[in-house]
PDB file of N, CA and C in Angstrom:
ATOM      1  N   MET A   1     -10.454   8.363  -8.494  1.00  0.00           N
ATOM      2  CA  MET A   1      -9.162   8.628  -9.335  1.00  0.00           C
ATOM      3  C   MET A   1      -8.382   9.162  -8.663  1.00  0.00           C
ATOM      4  N   ILE A   2      -8.654  10.491  -8.090  1.00  0.00           N
ATOM      5  CA  ILE A   2      -7.775  10.881  -6.903  1.00  0.00           C
ATOM      6  C   ILE A   2      -7.430   9.872  -5.651  1.00  0.00           C
ATOM      7  N   ASP A   3      -8.367   9.438  -5.600  1.00  0.00           N
ATOM      8  CA  ASP A   3      -8.246   8.479  -4.010  1.00  0.00           C
ATOM      9  C   ASP A   3      -7.436   7.181  -4.841  1.00  0.00           C
ATOM     10  N   LEU A   4      -7.420   7.106  -5.726  1.00  0.00           N
ATOM     11  CA  LEU A   4      -6.602   5.701  -5.849  1.00  0.00           C
ATOM     12  C   LEU A   4      -5.025   6.175  -5.731  1.00  0.00           C
ATOM     13  N   LEU A   5      -5.195   7.232  -6.914  1.00  0.00           N
ATOM     14  CA  LEU A   5      -3.203   7.966  -6.702  1.00  0.00           C
ATOM     15  C   LEU A   5      -3.002   8.012  -5.255  1.00  0.00           C
ATOM     16  N   LEU A   6      -4.056   8.963  -4.416  1.00  0.00           N
ATOM     17  CA  LEU A   6      -3.501   8.794  -2.585  1.00  0.00           C
ATOM     18  C   LEU A   6      -3.543   7.800  -1.961  1.00  0.00           C
ATOM     19  N   GLY A   7      -4.193   6.877  -2.534  1.00  0.00           N
ATOM     20  CA  GLY A   7      -3.723   5.550  -1.921  1.00  0.00           C
ATOM     21  C   GLY A   7      -2.462   5.094  -1.702  1.00  0.00           C
ATOM     22  N   GLY A   8      -2.273   5.132  -3.652  1.00  0.00           N
ATOM     23  CA  GLY A   8      -0.777   3.914  -4.033  1.00  0.00           C
ATOM     24  C   GLY A   8       0.373   5.316  -3.182  1.00  0.00           C
ATOM     25  N   ALA A   9       0.244   6.643  -3.259  1.00  0.00           N
ATOM     26  CA  ALA A   9       1.289   7.335  -2.850  1.00  0.00           C
ATOM     27  C   ALA A   9       1.416   6.799  -1.095  1.00  0.00           C
ATOM     28  N   SER A  10       0.436   6.668  -0.573  1.00  0.00           N
ATOM     29  CA  SER A  10       0.617   6.234   1.079  1.00  0.00           C
ATOM     30  C   SER A  10       1.060   4.899   0.991  1.00  0.00           C
ATOM     31  N   SER A  11       0.477   4.098   0.423  1.00  0.00           N
ATOM     32  CA  SER A  11       1.105   2.972   0.089  1.00  0.00           C
ATOM     33  C   SER A  11       2.523   3.208   0.084  1.00  0.00           C
ATOM     34  N   LEU A  12       3.025   3.684  -0.952  1.00  0.00           N
ATOM     35  CA  LEU A  12       4.596   3.731  -1.585  1.00  0.00           C
ATOM     36  C   LEU A  12       5.233   4.396  -0.173  1.00  0.00           C
ATOM     37  N   ALA A  13       4.488   5.784   0.438  1.00  0.00           N
ATOM     38  CA  ALA A  13       5.560   6.357   1.474  1.00  0.00           C
ATOM     39  C   ALA A  13       5.690   5.555   2.660  1.00  0.00           C
ATOM     40  N   ALA A  14       4.631   4.449   3.220  1.00  0.00           N
ATOM     41  CA  ALA A  14       4.796   3.796   3.928  1.00  0.00           C
ATOM     42  C   ALA A  14       5.499   2.714   3.871  1.00  0.00           C
ATOM     43  N   VAL A  15       5.982   1.988   2.737  1.00  0.00           N
ATOM     44  CA  VAL A  15       7.127   1.113   2.704  1.00  0.00           C
ATOM     45  C   VAL A  15       8.184   1.692   2.495  1.00  0.00           C
ATOM     46  N   THR A  16       8.541   2.699   2.449  1.00  0.00           N
ATOM     47  CA  THR A  16       9.493   3.803   2.052  1.00  0.00           C
ATOM     48  C   THR A  16       9.745   3.939   3.372  1.00  0.00           C
ATOM     49  N   ALA A  17       9.097   4.504   4.298  1.00  0.00           N
ATOM     50  CA  ALA A  17       9.673   4.932   6.052  1.00  0.00           C
ATOM     51  C   ALA A  17       9.768   4.246   6.557  1.00  0.00           C
ATOM     52  N   VAL A  18       9.422   3.295   6.336  1.00  0.00           N
ATOM     53  CA  VAL A  18       9.348   1.850   7.449  1.00  0.00           C
ATOM     54  C   VAL A  18      10.725   0.901   6.783  1.00  0.00           C
ATOM     55  N   GLY A  19      10.947   0.955   5.505  1.00  0.00           N
ATOM     56  CA  GLY A  19      12.240   0.489   5.042  1.00  0.00           C
ATOM     57  C   GLY A  19      13.590   1.241   5.441  1.00  0.00           C
ATOM     58  N   VAL A  20      13.459   2.686   5.041  1.00  0.00           N
ATOM     59  CA  VAL A  20      14.333   3.431   5.671  1.00  0.00           C
ATOM     60  C   VAL A  20      14.724   3.717   6.959  1.00  0.00           C
ATOM     61  N   TYR A  21      13.971   3.510   7.705  1.00  0.00           N
ATOM     62  CA  TYR A  21      13.631   3.910   9.256  1.00  0.00           C
ATOM     63  C   TYR A  21      14.769   2.223   9.693  1.00  0.00           C
ATOM     64  N   PHE A  22      14.449   1.402   9.328  1.00  0.00           N
ATOM     65  CA  PHE A  22      15.086   0.170   9.873  1.00  0.00           C
ATOM     66  C   PHE A  22      16.754  -0.054   9.070  1.00  0.00           C
ATOM     67  N   TRP A  23      16.671   0.886   7.797  1.00  0.00           N
ATOM     68  CA  TRP A  23      17.707   0.443   7.165  1.00  0.00           C
ATOM     69  C   TRP A  23      19.008   1.698   7.803  1.00  0.00           C
ATOM     70  N   LEU A  24      18.244   2.311   8.438  1.00  0.00           N
ATOM     71  CA  LEU A  24      19.112   3.688   8.924  1.00  0.00           C
ATOM     72  C   LEU A  24      19.523   2.852  10.494  1.00  0.00           C
ATOM     73  N   LEU A  25      18.739   2.124  10.789  1.00  0.00           N
ATOM     74  CA  LEU A  25      19.257   1.371  12.420  1.00  0.00           C
ATOM     75  C   LEU A  25      20.286   0.288  12.376  1.00  0.00           C
ATOM     76  N   PHE A  26      20.190  -0.422  10.887  1.00  0.00           N
ATOM     77  CA  PHE A  26      20.817  -1.609  11.036  1.00  0.00           C
ATOM     78  C   PHE A  26      22.360  -0.643  10.359  1.00  0.00           C
ATOM     79  N   ARG A  27      22.718   0.255  10.112  1.00  0.00           N
ATOM     80  CA  ARG A  27      23.754   0.792   8.812  1.00  0.00           C
ATOM     81  C   ARG A  27      24.066   1.609   9.866  1.00  0.00           C
ATOM     82  N   ARG A  28      23.631   2.292  11.074  1.00  0.00           N
ATOM     83  CA  ARG A  28      23.933   3.276  12.570  1.00  0.00           C
ATOM     84  C   ARG A  28      23.473   3.294  13.256  1.00  0.00           C
ATOM     85  N   PRO A  29      23.729   1.707  13.805  1.00  0.00           N
ATOM     86  CA  PRO A  29      22.768   1.072  15.568  1.00  0.00           C
ATOM     87  C   PRO A  29      23.353   2.297  16.134  1.00  0.00           C
ATOM     88  N   SER A  30      22.267   3.049  17.017  1.00  0.00           N
ATOM     89  CA  SER A  30      23.131   3.812  18.470  1.00  0.00           C
ATOM     90  C   SER A  30      21.139   4.412  18.717  1.00  0.00           C
ATOM     91  N   THR A  31      21.253   4.104  20.495  1.00  0.00           N
ATOM     92  CA  THR A  31      19.976   4.626  20.816  1.00  0.00           C
ATOM     93  C   THR A  31      19.349   5.865  20.274  1.00  0.00           C
ATOM     94  N   ILE A  32      20.185   6.845  19.772  1.00  0.00           N
ATOM     95  CA  ILE A  32      19.859   8.187  19.616  1.00  0.00           C
ATOM     96  C   ILE A  32      19.125   8.107  18.078  1.00  0.00           C
ATOM     97  N   ARG A  33      19.710   7.139  17.210  1.00  0.00           N
ATOM     98  CA  ARG A  33      19.038   7.059  15.946  1.00  0.00           C
ATOM     99  C   ARG A  33      17.705   6.254  15.986  1.00  0.00           C
ATOM    100  N   LEU A  34      17.686   5.435  17.088  1.00  0.00           N
ATOM    101  CA  LEU A  34      16.564   4.967  16.958  1.00  0.00           C
ATOM    102  C   LEU A  34      15.092   5.917  17.925  1.00  0.00           C
ATOM    103  N   PHE A  35      15.531   6.559  18.442  1.00  0.00           N
ATOM    104  CA  PHE A  35      14.552   7.755  18.922  1.00  0.00           C
ATOM    105  C   PHE A  35      14.418   9.029  17.894  1.00  0.00           C
ATOM    106  N   SER A  36      15.496   9.463  16.893  1.00  0.00           N
ATOM    107  CA  SER A  36      15.629  10.823  16.441  1.00  0.00           C
ATOM    108  C   SER A  36      14.863  10.045  15.153  1.00  0.00           C
ATOM    109  N   ASN A  37      14.654   9.130  14.853  1.00  0.00           N
ATOM    110  CA  ASN A  37      13.746   8.926  13.097  1.00  0.00           C
ATOM    111  C   ASN A  37      12.761   7.827  13.603  1.00  0.00           C
ATOM    112  N   PHE A  38      12.306   8.043  15.198  1.00  0.00           N
ATOM    113  CA  PHE A  38      10.626   7.389  15.336  1.00  0.00           C
ATOM    114  C   PHE A  38       9.507   8.212  15.029  1.00  0.00           C
ATOM    115  N   GLY A  39       9.710   9.280  14.771  1.00  0.00           N
ATOM    116  CA  GLY A  39       8.572   9.824  14.287  1.00  0.00           C
ATOM    117  C   GLY A  39       8.278   9.586  12.427  1.00  0.00           C
ATOM    118  N   LEU A  40       9.273   9.077  11.746  1.00  0.00           N
ATOM    119  CA  LEU A  40       9.284   8.439  10.425  1.00  0.00           C
ATOM    120  C   LEU A  40       8.958   7.156  10.567  1.00  0.00           C
ATOM    121  N   PHE A  41       9.145   6.492  11.253  1.00  0.00           N
ATOM    122  CA  PHE A  41       8.590   4.644  11.351  1.00  0.00           C
ATOM    123  C   PHE A  41       6.979   5.047  11.925  1.00  0.00           C
ATOM    124  N   LEU A  42       6.635   5.800  12.984  1.00  0.00           N
ATOM    125  CA  LEU A  42       5.284   6.065  13.459  1.00  0.00           C
ATOM    126  C   LEU A  42       4.315   6.321  11.898  1.00  0.00           C
ATOM    127  N   THR A  43       4.821   7.385  11.436  1.00  0.00           N
ATOM    128  CA  THR A  43       4.312   7.810  10.272  1.00  0.00           C
ATOM    129  C   THR A  43       3.747   6.792   9.409  1.00  0.00           C
ATOM    130  N   GLY A  44       5.234   6.395   8.866  1.00  0.00           N
ATOM    131  CA  GLY A  44       4.873   5.194   7.737  1.00  0.00           C
ATOM    132  C   GLY A  44       3.939   3.982   8.484  1.00  0.00           C
ATOM    133  N   LEU A  45       3.908   4.007   9.488  1.00  0.00           N
ATOM    134  CA  LEU A  45       2.571   2.832  10.286  1.00  0.00           C
ATOM    135  C   LEU A  45       1.360   3.655   9.909  1.00  0.00           C
ATOM    136  N   GLY A  46       1.415   4.817   9.968  1.00  0.00           N
ATOM    137  CA  GLY A  46       0.189   5.400   9.743  1.00  0.00           C
ATOM    138  C   GLY A  46      -0.237   5.260   8.461  1.00  0.00           C
ATOM    139  N   LEU A  47       0.504   5.433   7.973  1.00  0.00           N
ATOM    140  CA  LEU A  47       0.420   5.469   5.884  1.00  0.00           C
ATOM    141  C   LEU A  47      -0.322   4.390   4.886  1.00  0.00           C
ATOM    142  N   PHE A  48      -0.059   3.115   6.260  1.00  0.00           N
ATOM    143  CA  PHE A  48      -0.507   2.012   5.938  1.00  0.00           C
ATOM    144  C   PHE A  48      -1.634   1.787   5.471  1.00  0.00           C
ATOM    145  N   GLN A  49      -2.567   2.441   6.109  1.00  0.00           N
ATOM    146  CA  GLN A  49      -3.925   2.900   6.773  1.00  0.00           C
ATOM    147  C   GLN A  49      -4.741   3.509   5.699  1.00  0.00           C
ATOM    148  N   GLY A  50      -4.367   3.964   5.416  1.00  0.00           N
ATOM    149  CA  GLY A  50      -4.373   5.501   4.059  1.00  0.00           C
ATOM    150  C   GLY A  50      -4.876   5.157   3.118  1.00  0.00           C
ATOM    151  N   PRO A  51      -5.163   4.243   2.397  1.00  0.00           N
ATOM    152  CA  PRO A  51      -5.823   3.112   0.815  1.00  0.00           C
ATOM    153  C   PRO A  51      -7.465   3.470   1.858  1.00  0.00           C
ATOM    154  N   MET A  52      -7.156   2.319   3.220  1.00  0.00           N
ATOM    155  CA  MET A  52      -8.381   1.989   3.388  1.00  0.00           C
ATOM    156  C   MET A  52      -9.196   3.174   4.210  1.00  0.00           C
ATOM    157  N   ILE A  53      -8.531   4.200   4.513  1.00  0.00           N
ATOM    158  CA  ILE A  53      -9.393   5.293   5.194  1.00  0.00           C
ATOM    159  C   ILE A  53     -10.329   5.803   3.808  1.00  0.00           C
ATOM    160  N   LEU A  54      -9.237   6.230   2.954  1.00  0.00           N
ATOM    161  CA  LEU A  54      -9.840   6.693   1.418  1.00  0.00           C
ATOM    162  C   LEU A  54     -10.952   6.441   0.858  1.00  0.00           C
ATOM    163  N   ALA A  55     -10.981   5.113   0.845  1.00  0.00           N
ATOM    164  CA  ALA A  55     -11.955   4.248   0.299  1.00  0.00           C
ATOM    165  C   ALA A  55     -12.719   4.116   1.402  1.00  0.00           C
ATOM    166  N   SER A  56     -12.802   4.668   2.364  1.00  0.00           N
ATOM    167  CA  SER A  56     -14.235   4.889   3.601  1.00  0.00           C
ATOM    168  C   SER A  56     -14.952   5.823   3.780  1.00  0.00           C
ATOM    169  N   ALA A  57     -13.762   6.716   3.074  1.00  0.00           N
ATOM    170  CA  ALA A  57     -14.720   8.617   3.557  1.00  0.00           C
ATOM    171  C   ALA A  57     -15.090   8.855   1.730  1.00  0.00           C
ATOM    172  N   ASP A  58     -15.293   8.205   0.951  1.00  0.00           N
ATOM    173  CA  ASP A  58     -16.027   8.394  -0.094  1.00  0.00           C
ATOM    174  C   ASP A  58     -15.532   9.933  -0.569  1.00  0.00           C
ATOM    175  N   GLY A  59     -14.331  10.220  -0.816  1.00  0.00           N
ATOM    176  CA  GLY A  59     -13.960  11.500  -1.378  1.00  0.00           C
ATOM    177  C   GLY A  59     -14.159  12.575  -0.303  1.00  0.00           C
ATOM    178  N   GLU A  60     -13.645  12.721   1.294  1.00  0.00           N
ATOM    179  CA  GLU A  60     -14.102  14.278   1.747  1.00  0.00           C
ATOM    180  C   GLU A  60     -12.913  15.030   1.328  1.00  0.00           C
ATOM    181  N   VAL A  61     -12.835  16.048   1.060  1.00  0.00           N
ATOM    182  CA  VAL A  61     -11.693  16.787   1.029  1.00  0.00           C
ATOM    183  C   VAL A  61     -10.515  16.397   2.484  1.00  0.00           C
ATOM    184  N   GLY A  62     -11.239  16.555   3.362  1.00  0.00           N
ATOM    185  CA  GLY A  62     -10.345  16.831   4.601  1.00  0.00           C
ATOM    186  C   GLY A  62      -9.837  15.439   4.868  1.00  0.00           C
ATOM    187  N   VAL A  63     -10.120  14.397   4.404  1.00  0.00           N
ATOM    188  CA  VAL A  63      -9.394  13.324   4.413  1.00  0.00           C
ATOM    189  C   VAL A  63      -8.537  13.127   3.672  1.00  0.00           C
ATOM    190  N   ARG A  64      -8.517  13.518   2.499  1.00  0.00           N
ATOM    191  CA  ARG A  64      -7.918  13.863   1.347  1.00  0.00           C
ATOM    192  C   ARG A  64      -6.367  14.611   1.705  1.00  0.00           C
ATOM    193  N   LEU A  65      -6.392  15.800   2.137  1.00  0.00           N
ATOM    194  CA  LEU A  65      -5.771  16.746   2.679  1.00  0.00           C
ATOM    195  C   LEU A  65      -4.965  15.898   3.702  1.00  0.00           C
ATOM    196  N   ALA A  66      -5.653  15.359   5.054  1.00  0.00           N
ATOM    197  CA  ALA A  66      -4.519  14.974   5.941  1.00  0.00           C
ATOM    198  C   ALA A  66      -3.646  13.725   4.827  1.00  0.00           C
ATOM    199  N   VAL A  67      -4.424  12.553   4.780  1.00  0.00           N
ATOM    200  CA  VAL A  67      -3.245  11.727   3.542  1.00  0.00           C
ATOM    201  C   VAL A  67      -2.096  12.339   2.940  1.00  0.00           C
ATOM    202  N   SER A  68      -2.843  13.324   2.421  1.00  0.00           N
ATOM    203  CA  SER A  68      -1.104  14.148   1.620  1.00  0.00           C
ATOM    204  C   SER A  68      -0.200  14.758   2.792  1.00  0.00           C
ATOM    205  N   CYS A  69      -0.749  15.102   3.447  1.00  0.00           N
ATOM    206  CA  CYS A  69       0.152  15.741   4.356  1.00  0.00           C
ATOM    207  C   CYS A  69       1.004  14.662   5.291  1.00  0.00           C
ATOM    208  N   LEU A  70       0.542  13.629   5.238  1.00  0.00           N
ATOM    209  CA  LEU A  70       1.149  12.875   6.206  1.00  0.00           C
ATOM    210  C   LEU A  70       2.147  12.313   5.091  1.00  0.00           C
ATOM    211  N   VAL A  71       1.503  11.885   3.835  1.00  0.00           N
ATOM    212  CA  VAL A  71       2.955  11.642   2.673  1.00  0.00           C
ATOM    213  C   VAL A  71       3.850  12.916   2.542  1.00  0.00           C
ATOM    214  N   LEU A  72       3.328  13.794   2.648  1.00  0.00           N
ATOM    215  CA  LEU A  72       4.417  15.230   2.566  1.00  0.00           C
ATOM    216  C   LEU A  72       5.656  15.239   3.842  1.00  0.00           C
ATOM    217  N   ALA A  73       4.676  14.857   4.799  1.00  0.00           N
ATOM    218  CA  ALA A  73       5.625  14.708   6.186  1.00  0.00           C
ATOM    219  C   ALA A  73       7.006  13.513   6.384  1.00  0.00           C
ATOM    220  N   VAL A  74       6.287  12.216   5.288  1.00  0.00           N
ATOM    221  CA  VAL A  74       7.058  11.309   5.697  1.00  0.00           C
ATOM    222  C   VAL A  74       8.501  11.803   4.796  1.00  0.00           C
ATOM    223  N   VAL A  75       8.120  12.566   3.472  1.00  0.00           N
ATOM    224  CA  VAL A  75       8.973  13.242   2.000  1.00  0.00           C
ATOM    225  C   VAL A  75      10.375  14.258   3.208  1.00  0.00           C
ATOM    226  N   SER A  76       9.654  14.968   3.778  1.00  0.00           N
ATOM    227  CA  SER A  76       9.990  15.550   4.785  1.00  0.00           C
ATOM    228  C   SER A  76      11.046  14.874   5.899  1.00  0.00           C
ATOM    229  N   GLN A  77      10.906  14.021   6.589  1.00  0.00           N
ATOM    230  CA  GLN A  77      11.555  13.365   7.702  1.00  0.00           C
ATOM    231  C   GLN A  77      12.577  12.437   6.487  1.00  0.00           C
ATOM    232  N   LEU A  78      12.490  11.681   5.495  1.00  0.00           N
ATOM    233  CA  LEU A  78      13.822  11.008   4.619  1.00  0.00           C
ATOM    234  C   LEU A  78      14.232  11.996   4.337  1.00  0.00           C
ATOM    235  N   THR A  79      14.466  13.353   4.296  1.00  0.00           N
ATOM    236  CA  THR A  79      15.427  14.042   3.793  1.00  0.00           C
ATOM    237  C   THR A  79      16.008  14.512   4.746  1.00  0.00           C
ATOM    238  N   ALA A  80      15.289  14.630   6.152  1.00  0.00           N
ATOM    239  CA  ALA A  80      16.305  15.047   7.391  1.00  0.00           C
ATOM    240  C   ALA A  80      16.760  13.764   8.013  1.00  0.00           C
ATOM    241  N   ALA A  81      15.954  12.925   7.885  1.00  0.00           N
ATOM    242  CA  ALA A  81      16.993  11.384   7.983  1.00  0.00           C
ATOM    243  C   ALA A  81      18.485  11.187   6.949  1.00  0.00           C
ATOM    244  N   LEU A  82      18.273  11.080   6.111  1.00  0.00           N
ATOM    245  CA  LEU A  82      19.463  10.924   5.239  1.00  0.00           C
ATOM    246  C   LEU A  82      20.394  11.951   5.239  1.00  0.00           C
ATOM    247  N   GLN A  83      19.957  13.258   5.430  1.00  0.00           N
ATOM    248  CA  GLN A  83      21.280  14.181   5.509  1.00  0.00           C
ATOM    249  C   GLN A  83      22.448  13.337   6.202  1.00  0.00           C
ATOM    250  N   THR A  84      23.733  13.814   5.679  1.00  0.00           N
ATOM    251  CA  THR A  84      25.033  12.993   6.313  1.00  0.00           C
ATOM    252  C   THR A  84      25.885  14.314   7.293  1.00  0.00           C
ATOM    253  N   ARG A  85      25.564  13.607   8.543  1.00  0.00           N
ATOM    254  CA  ARG A  85      26.174  14.734   9.979  1.00  0.00           C
ATOM    255  C   ARG A  85      27.216  13.961  10.028  1.00  0.00           C
ATOM    256  N   SER A  86      28.265  14.944  10.752  1.00  0.00           N
ATOM    257  CA  SER A  86      29.312  14.703  11.295  1.00  0.00           C
ATOM    258  C   SER A  86      29.130  14.000  12.496  1.00  0.00           C
ATOM    259  N   VAL A  87      29.750  12.795  13.030  1.00  0.00           N
ATOM    260  CA  VAL A  87      29.674  12.726  14.615  1.00  0.00           C
ATOM    261  C   VAL A  87      30.614  13.220  15.549  1.00  0.00           C
ATOM    262  N   TRP A  88      29.073  13.590  16.489  1.00  0.00           N
ATOM    263  CA  TRP A  88      29.498  14.512  17.702  1.00  0.00           C
ATOM    264  C   TRP A  88      30.861  14.137  18.273  1.00  0.00           C
ATOM    265  N   ARG A  89      31.654  14.499  18.840  1.00  0.00           N
ATOM    266  CA  ARG A  89      33.031  14.964  19.379  1.00  0.00           C
ATOM    267  C   ARG A  89      32.901  15.150  20.585  1.00  0.00           C
ATOM    268  N   GLY A  90      31.747  15.761  21.081  1.00  0.00           N
ATOM    269  CA  GLY A  90      31.651  16.144  22.629  1.00  0.00           C
ATOM    270  C   GLY A  90      32.078  17.633  22.749  1.00  0.00           C
ATOM    271  N   GLU A  91      32.400  18.397  22.048  1.00  0.00           N
ATOM    272  CA  GLU A  91      32.553  19.725  21.601  1.00  0.00           C
ATOM    273  C   GLU A  91      31.467  20.587  21.226  1.00  0.00           C
ATOM    274  N   ASP A  92      31.543  21.610  21.812  1.00  0.00           N
ATOM    275  CA  ASP A  92      30.198  22.842  21.574  1.00  0.00           C
ATOM    276  C   ASP A  92      30.606  23.292  19.870  1.00  0.00           C
ATOM    277  N   ARG A  93      29.455  22.963  18.806  1.00  0.00           N
ATOM    278  CA  ARG A  93      30.103  23.280  17.659  1.00  0.00           C
ATOM    279  C   ARG A  93      29.271  24.535  16.993  1.00  0.00           C
ATOM    280  N   ARG A  94      28.771  25.412  17.719  1.00  0.00           N
ATOM    281  CA  ARG A  94      27.958  26.419  17.564  1.00  0.00           C
ATOM    282  C   ARG A  94      29.263  27.476  17.645  1.00  0.00           C
ATOM    283  N   ALA A  95      28.755  28.692  16.354  1.00  0.00           N
ATOM    284  CA  ALA A  95      29.806  29.292  16.333  1.00  0.00           C
ATOM    285  C   ALA A  95      29.964  30.076  17.859  1.00  0.00           C
ATOM    286  N   GLU A  96      31.121  30.827  18.159  1.00  0.00           N
ATOM    287  CA  GLU A  96      30.944  31.978  19.012  1.00  0.00           C
ATOM    288  C   GLU A  96      31.534  33.407  18.264  1.00  0.00           C
ATOM    289  N   THR A  97      31.031  34.337  18.724  1.00  0.00           N
ATOM    290  CA  THR A  97      31.404  35.252  18.314  1.00  0.00           C
ATOM    291  C   THR A  97      32.571  36.252  18.975  1.00  0.00           C
ATOM    292  N   GLN A  98      32.631  37.381  18.413  1.00  0.00           N
ATOM    293  CA  GLN A  98      33.723  37.839  18.823  1.00  0.00           C
ATOM    294  C   GLN A  98      34.223  38.351  20.055  1.00  0.00           C
ATOM    295  N   ASP A  99      32.741  38.802  21.050  1.00  0.00           N
ATOM    296  CA  ASP A  99      33.141  39.279  21.972  1.00  0.00           C
ATOM    297  C   ASP A  99      32.964  37.747  23.737  1.00  0.00           C
ATOM    298  N   GLY A 100      33.064  36.853  22.725  1.00  0.00           N
ATOM    299  CA  GLY A 100      32.951  35.775  23.117  1.00  0.00           C
ATOM    300  C   GLY A 100      31.237  35.364  23.691  1.00  0.00           C
ATOM    301  N   SER A 101      30.067  36.171  22.801  1.00  0.00           N
ATOM    302  CA  SER A 101      29.229  35.477  23.109  1.00  0.00           C
ATOM    303  C   SER A 101      28.329  34.521  21.989  1.00  0.00           C
ATOM    304  N   ARG A 102      27.589  34.196  22.636  1.00  0.00           N
ATOM    305  CA  ARG A 102      26.838  33.026  21.490  1.00  0.00           C
ATOM    306  C   ARG A 102      25.642  33.918  20.592  1.00  0.00           C
TER     307      ARG A 102
END
């Protein structure tokens, strides 16, 4: 039962990760966007194998933990990728202190 739920979560996370990656590329095309979200894409591709790996592992705790961590990684990367950021205009945005140091 646990493997079935994890397999479903793995498939859902995989489809979502790959879908959001391509959506972001088409919505905001740039070379930087291509590489900054590439981890999301690769994690999504890896999670497509989650149900098969869980079925062949026969309930091993380590495999369940690894697939769970990959699903959590997709959630974390999705959160970061979907944050609205202002466009960089070539100026340093880090705040300077009163004495001029950073």
